């Protein structure tokens, strides 16, 4: 990843943190639990998914930087949705997602050129470096923004 692309992705990553907060500002319980379609997630489920994903992402980034040739384990998000009681309140999950992203923002800002080149192997996708990590997670909240908005607006 060249320096220009990296800067754009870092800006998108940082914007995702603020987006998470704004997407849920003032959300009612009814809006959090509205399901826009039979196979679609509620906003509540999306928040819990984002928390699980962002906490895993923070650990993955640290593995890539601190460990030599780490193995980055994939996971089944649908299993998490079913097993981790996604009907629970969202406050702590939202706080965890935001905290994980902010801590990772600080870490990314401190990386040396050599640290940006570190990599490991993802169990599902093969070679996986710090740049690959950033490409994936810079967009994650943005990818779910419409989903949250649709779910909230389907509450009526």
C-alpha atoms as a PDB file:
ATOM      1  CA  UNK A   1       0.000   0.000   0.000  1.00  0.00           C
ATOM      2  CA  UNK A   2       1.496   3.329  -1.005  1.00  0.00           C
ATOM      3  CA  UNK A   3       1.632   6.280   1.395  1.00  0.00           C
ATOM      4  CA  UNK A   4      -1.256   8.153  -0.268  1.00  0.00           C
ATOM      5  CA  UNK A   5      -3.568   5.139  -0.069  1.00  0.00           C
ATOM      6  CA  UNK A   6      -2.513   4.515   3.543  1.00  0.00           C
ATOM      7  CA  UNK A   7      -3.357   8.087   4.551  1.00  0.00           C
ATOM      8  CA  UNK A   8      -6.763   7.854   2.874  1.00  0.00           C
ATOM      9  CA  UNK A   9      -7.495   4.565   4.628  1.00  0.00           C
ATOM     10  CA  UNK A  10      -6.321   5.937   7.990  1.00  0.00           C
ATOM     11  CA  UNK A  11      -8.682   8.895   7.557  1.00  0.00           C
ATOM     12  CA  UNK A  12     -11.537   6.513   6.684  1.00  0.00           C
ATOM     13  CA  UNK A  13     -10.691   4.359   9.706  1.00  0.00           C
ATOM     14  CA  UNK A  14     -10.812   7.380  12.014  1.00  0.00           C
ATOM     15  CA  UNK A  15     -14.051   8.641  10.450  1.00  0.00           C
ATOM     16  CA  UNK A  16     -15.617   5.234  11.126  1.00  0.00           C
ATOM     17  CA  UNK A  17     -15.237   5.738  14.849  1.00  0.00           C
ATOM     18  CA  UNK A  18     -17.237   8.976  14.799  1.00  0.00           C
ATOM     19  CA  UNK A  19     -19.743   7.399  12.418  1.00  0.00           C
ATOM     20  CA  UNK A  20     -20.500   4.658  14.935  1.00  0.00           C
ATOM     21  CA  UNK A  21     -21.441   7.221  17.550  1.00  0.00           C
ATOM     22  CA  UNK A  22     -23.545   9.324  15.209  1.00  0.00           C
ATOM     23  CA  UNK A  23     -25.430   6.340  13.736  1.00  0.00           C
ATOM     24  CA  UNK A  24     -26.834   5.456  17.132  1.00  0.00           C
ATOM     25  CA  UNK A  25     -27.284   8.883  18.665  1.00  0.00           C
ATOM     26  CA  UNK A  26     -30.774   9.067  20.136  1.00  0.00           C
ATOM     27  CA  UNK A  27     -31.748   5.544  19.068  1.00  0.00           C
ATOM     28  CA  UNK A  28     -34.791   4.244  20.892  1.00  0.00           C
ATOM     29  CA  UNK A  29     -35.253   0.656  22.001  1.00  0.00           C
ATOM     30  CA  UNK A  30     -37.890   0.285  19.308  1.00  0.00           C
ATOM     31  CA  UNK A  31     -35.459   1.509  16.634  1.00  0.00           C
ATOM     32  CA  UNK A  32     -32.729  -0.802  17.923  1.00  0.00           C
ATOM     33  CA  UNK A  33     -35.030  -3.817  17.708  1.00  0.00           C
ATOM     34  CA  UNK A  34     -36.752  -3.126  14.395  1.00  0.00           C
ATOM     35  CA  UNK A  35     -35.958  -5.766  11.787  1.00  0.00           C
ATOM     36  CA  UNK A  36     -36.222  -4.312   8.273  1.00  0.00           C
ATOM     37  CA  UNK A  37     -36.576  -7.726   6.640  1.00  0.00           C
ATOM     38  CA  UNK A  38     -36.749 -11.389   7.641  1.00  0.00           C
ATOM     39  CA  UNK A  39     -33.058 -12.056   6.945  1.00  0.00           C
ATOM     40  CA  UNK A  40     -31.732  -8.655   8.008  1.00  0.00           C
ATOM     41  CA  UNK A  41     -30.109  -7.699  11.286  1.00  0.00           C
ATOM     42  CA  UNK A  42     -31.581  -5.216  13.740  1.00  0.00           C
ATOM     43  CA  UNK A  43     -29.507  -2.165  14.646  1.00  0.00           C
ATOM     44  CA  UNK A  44     -28.938  -3.819  18.034  1.00  0.00           C
ATOM     45  CA  UNK A  45     -27.482  -6.914  16.371  1.00  0.00           C
ATOM     46  CA  UNK A  46     -25.267  -4.771  14.150  1.00  0.00           C
ATOM     47  CA  UNK A  47     -23.873  -2.930  17.172  1.00  0.00           C
ATOM     48  CA  UNK A  48     -22.996  -6.187  18.917  1.00  0.00           C
ATOM     49  CA  UNK A  49     -21.463  -7.521  15.704  1.00  0.00           C
ATOM     50  CA  UNK A  50     -19.367  -4.360  15.351  1.00  0.00           C
ATOM     51  CA  UNK A  51     -18.175  -4.679  18.945  1.00  0.00           C
ATOM     52  CA  UNK A  52     -17.161  -8.311  18.472  1.00  0.00           C
ATOM     53  CA  UNK A  53     -15.475  -7.530  15.183  1.00  0.00           C
ATOM     54  CA  UNK A  54     -13.659  -4.418  16.410  1.00  0.00           C
ATOM     55  CA  UNK A  55     -12.343  -6.144  19.522  1.00  0.00           C
ATOM     56  CA  UNK A  56     -11.068  -9.037  17.384  1.00  0.00           C
ATOM     57  CA  UNK A  57      -9.592  -6.523  14.938  1.00  0.00           C
ATOM     58  CA  UNK A  58      -7.685  -4.770  17.702  1.00  0.00           C
ATOM     59  CA  UNK A  59      -6.126  -8.064  18.793  1.00  0.00           C
ATOM     60  CA  UNK A  60      -5.324  -9.018  15.191  1.00  0.00           C
ATOM     61  CA  UNK A  61      -3.499  -5.730  14.638  1.00  0.00           C
ATOM     62  CA  UNK A  62      -1.453  -6.252  17.762  1.00  0.00           C
ATOM     63  CA  UNK A  63      -0.609  -9.803  16.724  1.00  0.00           C
ATOM     64  CA  UNK A  64       0.608  -8.572  13.358  1.00  0.00           C
ATOM     65  CA  UNK A  65       2.840  -5.968  14.943  1.00  0.00           C
ATOM     66  CA  UNK A  66       4.157  -7.863  17.977  1.00  0.00           C
ATOM     67  CA  UNK A  67       4.403 -11.485  16.813  1.00  0.00           C
ATOM     68  CA  UNK A  68       6.567 -12.994  14.111  1.00  0.00           C
ATOM     69  CA  UNK A  69       4.423 -14.526  11.366  1.00  0.00           C
ATOM     70  CA  UNK A  70       1.248 -14.790  13.463  1.00  0.00           C
ATOM     71  CA  UNK A  71      -1.708 -16.921  12.480  1.00  0.00           C
ATOM     72  CA  UNK A  72      -4.810 -14.749  12.377  1.00  0.00           C
ATOM     73  CA  UNK A  73      -7.814 -16.908  13.175  1.00  0.00           C
ATOM     74  CA  UNK A  74     -11.043 -16.433  11.246  1.00  0.00           C
ATOM     75  CA  UNK A  75     -14.402 -16.760  12.986  1.00  0.00           C
ATOM     76  CA  UNK A  76     -18.019 -17.413  12.130  1.00  0.00           C
ATOM     77  CA  UNK A  77     -19.953 -14.188  12.766  1.00  0.00           C
ATOM     78  CA  UNK A  78     -23.299 -15.995  12.467  1.00  0.00           C
ATOM     79  CA  UNK A  79     -22.333 -18.267  15.363  1.00  0.00           C
ATOM     80  CA  UNK A  80     -21.433 -15.205  17.432  1.00  0.00           C
ATOM     81  CA  UNK A  81     -24.815 -13.656  16.618  1.00  0.00           C
ATOM     82  CA  UNK A  82     -26.626 -16.712  17.930  1.00  0.00           C
ATOM     83  CA  UNK A  83     -24.381 -17.568  20.881  1.00  0.00           C
ATOM     84  CA  UNK A  84     -23.545 -14.170  22.368  1.00  0.00           C
ATOM     85  CA  UNK A  85     -27.016 -12.919  23.297  1.00  0.00           C
ATOM     86  CA  UNK A  86     -27.295 -10.109  20.792  1.00  0.00           C
ATOM     87  CA  UNK A  87     -30.602  -9.089  22.378  1.00  0.00           C
ATOM     88  CA  UNK A  88     -28.757  -7.510  25.340  1.00  0.00           C
ATOM     89  CA  UNK A  89     -28.332  -3.722  25.835  1.00  0.00           C
ATOM     90  CA  UNK A  90     -25.986  -2.005  23.366  1.00  0.00           C
ATOM     91  CA  UNK A  91     -24.276   0.598  25.565  1.00  0.00           C
ATOM     92  CA  UNK A  92     -21.240  -1.419  26.586  1.00  0.00           C
ATOM     93  CA  UNK A  93     -20.852  -2.973  23.134  1.00  0.00           C
ATOM     94  CA  UNK A  94     -20.893   0.441  21.478  1.00  0.00           C
ATOM     95  CA  UNK A  95     -18.357   1.716  24.018  1.00  0.00           C
ATOM     96  CA  UNK A  96     -16.148  -1.351  23.445  1.00  0.00           C
ATOM     97  CA  UNK A  97     -16.234  -0.934  19.658  1.00  0.00           C
ATOM     98  CA  UNK A  98     -15.344   2.744  19.912  1.00  0.00           C
ATOM     99  CA  UNK A  99     -12.604   2.135  22.485  1.00  0.00           C
ATOM    100  CA  UNK A 100     -11.063  -0.646  20.391  1.00  0.00           C
ATOM    101  CA  UNK A 101     -11.021   1.592  17.315  1.00  0.00           C
ATOM    102  CA  UNK A 102      -9.583   4.598  19.168  1.00  0.00           C
ATOM    103  CA  UNK A 103      -6.831   2.480  20.741  1.00  0.00           C
ATOM    104  CA  UNK A 104      -6.005   1.072  17.319  1.00  0.00           C
ATOM    105  CA  UNK A 105      -6.044   4.578  15.789  1.00  0.00           C
ATOM    106  CA  UNK A 106      -3.367   5.607  18.278  1.00  0.00           C
ATOM    107  CA  UNK A 107      -1.324   2.506  17.557  1.00  0.00           C
ATOM    108  CA  UNK A 108      -1.571   2.958  13.789  1.00  0.00           C
ATOM    109  CA  UNK A 109      -0.376   6.563  14.154  1.00  0.00           C
ATOM    110  CA  UNK A 110       2.748   5.342  15.940  1.00  0.00           C
ATOM    111  CA  UNK A 111       3.792   2.628  13.462  1.00  0.00           C
ATOM    112  CA  UNK A 112       7.202   2.765  11.836  1.00  0.00           C
ATOM    113  CA  UNK A 113       7.671   1.965   8.130  1.00  0.00           C
ATOM    114  CA  UNK A 114       8.999  -1.485   9.101  1.00  0.00           C
ATOM    115  CA  UNK A 115       5.928  -2.167  11.263  1.00  0.00           C
ATOM    116  CA  UNK A 116       3.647  -1.315   8.340  1.00  0.00           C
ATOM    117  CA  UNK A 117       5.350  -4.145   6.455  1.00  0.00           C
ATOM    118  CA  UNK A 118       4.690  -6.824   9.088  1.00  0.00           C
ATOM    119  CA  UNK A 119       2.445  -9.719   8.183  1.00  0.00           C
ATOM    120  CA  UNK A 120       1.106 -13.113   9.099  1.00  0.00           C
ATOM    121  CA  UNK A 121      -1.322 -15.638   7.711  1.00  0.00           C
ATOM    122  CA  UNK A 122      -5.102 -15.453   7.946  1.00  0.00           C
ATOM    123  CA  UNK A 123      -6.694 -18.888   8.304  1.00  0.00           C
ATOM    124  CA  UNK A 124      -9.331 -18.053   5.681  1.00  0.00           C
ATOM    125  CA  UNK A 125      -7.579 -15.737   3.238  1.00  0.00           C
ATOM    126  CA  UNK A 126      -3.859 -16.542   3.420  1.00  0.00           C
ATOM    127  CA  UNK A 127      -1.134 -13.873   3.590  1.00  0.00           C
ATOM    128  CA  UNK A 128      -2.346 -10.965   5.688  1.00  0.00           C
ATOM    129  CA  UNK A 129      -0.423  -7.817   6.536  1.00  0.00           C
ATOM    130  CA  UNK A 130      -0.985  -4.602   8.454  1.00  0.00           C
ATOM    131  CA  UNK A 131      -2.054  -2.880   5.225  1.00  0.00           C
ATOM    132  CA  UNK A 132      -4.574  -5.651   4.526  1.00  0.00           C
ATOM    133  CA  UNK A 133      -5.892  -5.223   8.058  1.00  0.00           C
ATOM    134  CA  UNK A 134      -6.369  -1.490   7.492  1.00  0.00           C
ATOM    135  CA  UNK A 135      -8.101  -2.032   4.144  1.00  0.00           C
ATOM    136  CA  UNK A 136     -10.602  -4.358   5.808  1.00  0.00           C
ATOM    137  CA  UNK A 137     -11.357  -2.436   8.991  1.00  0.00           C
ATOM    138  CA  UNK A 138     -11.243   1.122   7.631  1.00  0.00           C
ATOM    139  CA  UNK A 139     -14.557   0.461   5.916  1.00  0.00           C
ATOM    140  CA  UNK A 140     -16.270  -1.804   8.417  1.00  0.00           C
ATOM    141  CA  UNK A 141     -18.550   0.735  10.185  1.00  0.00           C
ATOM    142  CA  UNK A 142     -19.219   2.427   6.832  1.00  0.00           C
ATOM    143  CA  UNK A 143     -20.267  -0.950   5.402  1.00  0.00           C
ATOM    144  CA  UNK A 144     -22.877  -1.286   8.146  1.00  0.00           C
ATOM    145  CA  UNK A 145     -24.091   2.344   8.196  1.00  0.00           C
ATOM    146  CA  UNK A 146     -26.955   1.812   5.758  1.00  0.00           C
ATOM    147  CA  UNK A 147     -27.919  -1.354   7.577  1.00  0.00           C
ATOM    148  CA  UNK A 148     -28.289   0.536  10.865  1.00  0.00           C
ATOM    149  CA  UNK A 149     -30.141   3.421   9.206  1.00  0.00           C
ATOM    150  CA  UNK A 150     -32.547   1.030   7.439  1.00  0.00           C
ATOM    151  CA  UNK A 151     -33.198  -0.866  10.644  1.00  0.00           C
ATOM    152  CA  UNK A 152     -33.858   2.309  12.644  1.00  0.00           C
ATOM    153  CA  UNK A 153     -36.143   3.784  10.007  1.00  0.00           C
ATOM    154  CA  UNK A 154     -38.147   0.568   9.715  1.00  0.00           C
ATOM    155  CA  UNK A 155     -39.374   1.163  13.281  1.00  0.00           C
ATOM    156  CA  UNK A 156     -41.869   3.613  11.814  1.00  0.00           C
END
